[in-house]
N, C-alpha and C. Protein backbone atom coordinates (compact mmCIF):
# COMPACT_ATOMS: atom_id res chain seq x y z
N UNK A 1 -1.00 -5.32 -53.63
CA UNK A 1 -1.69 -6.27 -52.85
C UNK A 1 -0.73 -7.51 -52.37
N UNK A 2 0.01 -7.81 -53.12
CA UNK A 2 1.01 -8.93 -52.85
C UNK A 2 1.89 -8.71 -51.64
N UNK A 3 2.24 -7.43 -51.55
CA UNK A 3 3.00 -7.11 -50.34
C UNK A 3 2.36 -7.05 -49.05
N UNK A 4 0.91 -6.99 -49.05
CA UNK A 4 0.13 -6.98 -47.89
C UNK A 4 -0.07 -8.23 -47.29
N UNK A 5 -0.35 -9.32 -48.43
CA UNK A 5 -0.39 -10.66 -48.08
C UNK A 5 0.92 -11.09 -47.74
N UNK A 6 2.19 -10.69 -48.09
CA UNK A 6 3.45 -11.20 -47.81
C UNK A 6 3.66 -10.54 -46.22
N UNK A 7 3.37 -9.38 -46.06
CA UNK A 7 3.55 -8.75 -44.55
C UNK A 7 2.77 -9.69 -43.56
N UNK A 8 1.29 -9.86 -43.84
CA UNK A 8 0.63 -10.72 -43.12
C UNK A 8 1.20 -12.06 -42.85
N UNK A 9 1.59 -12.61 -43.83
CA UNK A 9 2.19 -13.92 -43.72
C UNK A 9 3.53 -14.06 -42.79
N UNK A 10 4.10 -12.85 -43.00
CA UNK A 10 5.48 -12.80 -42.12
C UNK A 10 5.01 -12.56 -40.68
N UNK A 11 4.01 -11.94 -40.36
CA UNK A 11 3.50 -11.77 -38.97
C UNK A 11 3.18 -12.95 -38.43
N UNK A 12 2.37 -13.73 -39.30
CA UNK A 12 1.93 -15.17 -38.76
C UNK A 12 3.07 -16.01 -38.43
N UNK A 13 4.08 -16.20 -39.19
CA UNK A 13 5.20 -16.78 -39.15
C UNK A 13 5.87 -16.45 -37.77
N UNK A 14 6.17 -15.11 -37.58
CA UNK A 14 7.00 -14.80 -36.38
C UNK A 14 6.04 -15.02 -35.12
N UNK A 15 4.82 -14.76 -35.21
CA UNK A 15 3.80 -15.01 -34.02
C UNK A 15 3.83 -16.63 -33.76
N UNK A 16 3.74 -17.30 -34.76
CA UNK A 16 3.69 -18.79 -34.56
C UNK A 16 4.97 -19.30 -34.01
N UNK A 17 6.09 -18.81 -34.39
CA UNK A 17 7.37 -19.20 -34.08
C UNK A 17 7.56 -18.99 -32.50
N UNK A 18 7.04 -17.67 -32.00
CA UNK A 18 7.22 -17.31 -30.74
C UNK A 18 6.40 -18.26 -29.83
N UNK A 19 4.94 -18.43 -30.15
CA UNK A 19 4.31 -19.28 -29.47
C UNK A 19 4.85 -20.77 -29.40
N UNK A 20 5.23 -21.32 -30.51
CA UNK A 20 5.80 -22.71 -30.57
C UNK A 20 7.24 -22.82 -29.80
N UNK A 21 8.02 -21.83 -29.70
CA UNK A 21 9.22 -22.00 -29.07
C UNK A 21 9.46 -21.36 -27.54
N UNK A 22 8.55 -20.47 -27.26
CA UNK A 22 8.44 -19.84 -26.00
C UNK A 22 7.03 -19.60 -25.47
N UNK A 23 6.16 -20.64 -25.21
CA UNK A 23 4.89 -20.42 -24.62
C UNK A 23 4.97 -19.57 -23.38
N UNK A 24 5.78 -20.13 -22.48
CA UNK A 24 5.79 -19.49 -20.99
C UNK A 24 6.18 -18.10 -21.14
N UNK A 25 7.04 -17.79 -21.96
CA UNK A 25 7.48 -16.41 -22.01
C UNK A 25 6.21 -15.37 -22.69
N UNK A 26 5.49 -15.93 -23.54
CA UNK A 26 4.43 -15.29 -23.92
C UNK A 26 3.37 -15.19 -22.64
N UNK A 27 3.18 -16.11 -21.88
CA UNK A 27 2.25 -15.92 -20.66
C UNK A 27 2.98 -14.71 -19.68
N UNK A 28 4.18 -14.71 -19.66
CA UNK A 28 4.72 -13.64 -18.77
C UNK A 28 4.55 -12.39 -19.32
N UNK A 29 4.91 -12.20 -20.75
CA UNK A 29 4.63 -10.94 -21.50
C UNK A 29 2.98 -10.52 -21.50
N UNK A 30 2.34 -11.27 -21.46
CA UNK A 30 0.83 -10.99 -21.27
C UNK A 30 0.40 -10.54 -20.00
N UNK A 31 0.84 -11.09 -18.93
CA UNK A 31 0.79 -10.71 -17.61
C UNK A 31 1.24 -9.34 -17.54
N UNK A 32 2.47 -8.98 -17.86
CA UNK A 32 3.02 -7.86 -18.02
C UNK A 32 2.27 -6.78 -18.60
N UNK A 33 1.67 -7.02 -19.70
CA UNK A 33 0.83 -6.11 -20.60
C UNK A 33 -0.36 -5.84 -19.71
N UNK A 34 -1.10 -7.01 -19.07
CA UNK A 34 -2.20 -6.73 -18.32
C UNK A 34 -2.05 -5.94 -17.04
N UNK A 35 -0.88 -5.88 -16.64
CA UNK A 35 -0.69 -5.15 -15.35
C UNK A 35 -0.61 -3.66 -15.82
N UNK A 36 -0.30 -3.35 -16.97
CA UNK A 36 -0.27 -1.82 -17.46
C UNK A 36 -1.52 -1.22 -17.38
N UNK A 37 -1.50 0.18 -17.16
CA UNK A 37 -2.86 0.85 -17.42
C UNK A 37 -3.25 1.07 -18.72
N UNK A 38 -4.49 1.33 -18.76
CA UNK A 38 -5.27 1.60 -20.22
C UNK A 38 -4.30 2.53 -21.04
N UNK A 39 -4.06 3.48 -20.46
CA UNK A 39 -3.00 4.73 -21.23
C UNK A 39 -1.79 4.27 -21.46
N UNK A 40 -1.26 3.35 -20.55
CA UNK A 40 0.29 2.82 -21.00
C UNK A 40 0.22 1.94 -22.02
N UNK A 41 -0.88 1.19 -22.06
CA UNK A 41 -1.09 0.05 -23.18
C UNK A 41 -1.48 0.80 -24.54
N UNK A 42 -2.15 1.88 -24.44
CA UNK A 42 -2.38 2.79 -25.77
C UNK A 42 -1.16 3.25 -26.11
N UNK A 43 -0.45 3.87 -25.26
CA UNK A 43 0.95 4.31 -25.78
C UNK A 43 1.85 3.16 -26.33
N UNK A 44 1.93 2.07 -25.66
CA UNK A 44 2.64 0.99 -26.17
C UNK A 44 2.20 0.66 -27.68
N UNK A 45 0.94 0.59 -27.95
CA UNK A 45 0.33 0.30 -29.21
C UNK A 45 0.74 1.49 -30.20
N UNK A 46 0.70 2.63 -29.79
CA UNK A 46 1.12 3.57 -30.73
C UNK A 46 2.58 3.75 -31.10
N UNK A 47 3.24 3.35 -30.05
CA UNK A 47 4.77 3.22 -30.27
C UNK A 47 5.03 2.23 -31.27
N UNK A 48 4.31 0.99 -31.16
CA UNK A 48 4.36 -0.22 -32.17
C UNK A 48 4.04 0.29 -33.46
N UNK A 49 2.86 0.90 -33.55
CA UNK A 49 2.50 1.42 -34.76
C UNK A 49 3.55 2.26 -35.37
N UNK A 50 4.09 3.28 -34.76
CA UNK A 50 4.90 4.14 -35.19
C UNK A 50 6.32 3.34 -35.74
N UNK A 51 6.71 2.54 -34.88
CA UNK A 51 7.94 1.71 -35.21
C UNK A 51 7.60 1.03 -36.42
N UNK A 52 6.58 0.18 -36.69
CA UNK A 52 6.23 -0.38 -37.82
C UNK A 52 6.18 0.50 -39.03
N UNK A 53 5.54 1.70 -39.04
CA UNK A 53 5.55 2.54 -39.91
C UNK A 53 6.98 3.01 -40.50
N UNK A 54 7.68 3.39 -39.44
CA UNK A 54 9.07 3.71 -39.64
C UNK A 54 9.97 2.56 -40.27
N UNK A 55 9.98 1.24 -39.98
CA UNK A 55 10.57 0.25 -40.61
C UNK A 55 10.10 -0.03 -41.97
N UNK A 56 8.62 0.07 -42.37
CA UNK A 56 8.21 -0.01 -43.90
C UNK A 56 8.74 1.07 -44.66
N UNK A 57 8.82 2.40 -44.03
CA UNK A 57 9.40 3.57 -44.63
C UNK A 57 10.91 3.35 -45.04
N UNK A 58 11.68 2.80 -44.11
CA UNK A 58 12.97 2.75 -44.36
C UNK A 58 13.26 1.50 -45.19
N UNK A 59 12.49 0.40 -45.34
CA UNK A 59 12.53 -0.66 -46.39
C UNK A 59 12.17 -0.07 -47.72
N UNK A 60 11.40 0.63 -47.60
CA UNK A 60 10.81 1.22 -49.09
C UNK A 60 11.80 2.10 -49.66
N UNK A 61 12.41 2.88 -48.65
CA UNK A 61 13.33 3.89 -49.18
C UNK A 61 14.70 3.34 -49.52
N UNK A 62 15.21 2.31 -48.69
CA UNK A 62 16.55 1.71 -48.88
C UNK A 62 16.55 0.50 -49.64
N UNK A 63 15.39 -0.30 -49.51
CA UNK A 63 15.31 -1.70 -50.09
C UNK A 63 14.99 -1.97 -51.42
N UNK A 64 14.57 -0.90 -52.01
CA UNK A 64 14.26 -1.19 -53.26
C UNK A 64 13.05 -0.49 -53.87
């Protein structure tokens, strides 16, 4: 359970830093995402999930 809280905390830190340091870039990215079709957004989400699962698997396999 500690790893879940740690992961969520890291997500909040990264998201907060992006919002604090580059708010105009976030607006541009949101506009770009809004311009995508529903299927393209779905595929983008699935790719992000797969990348996250792959990263977690790599960390668990090689990180300890």
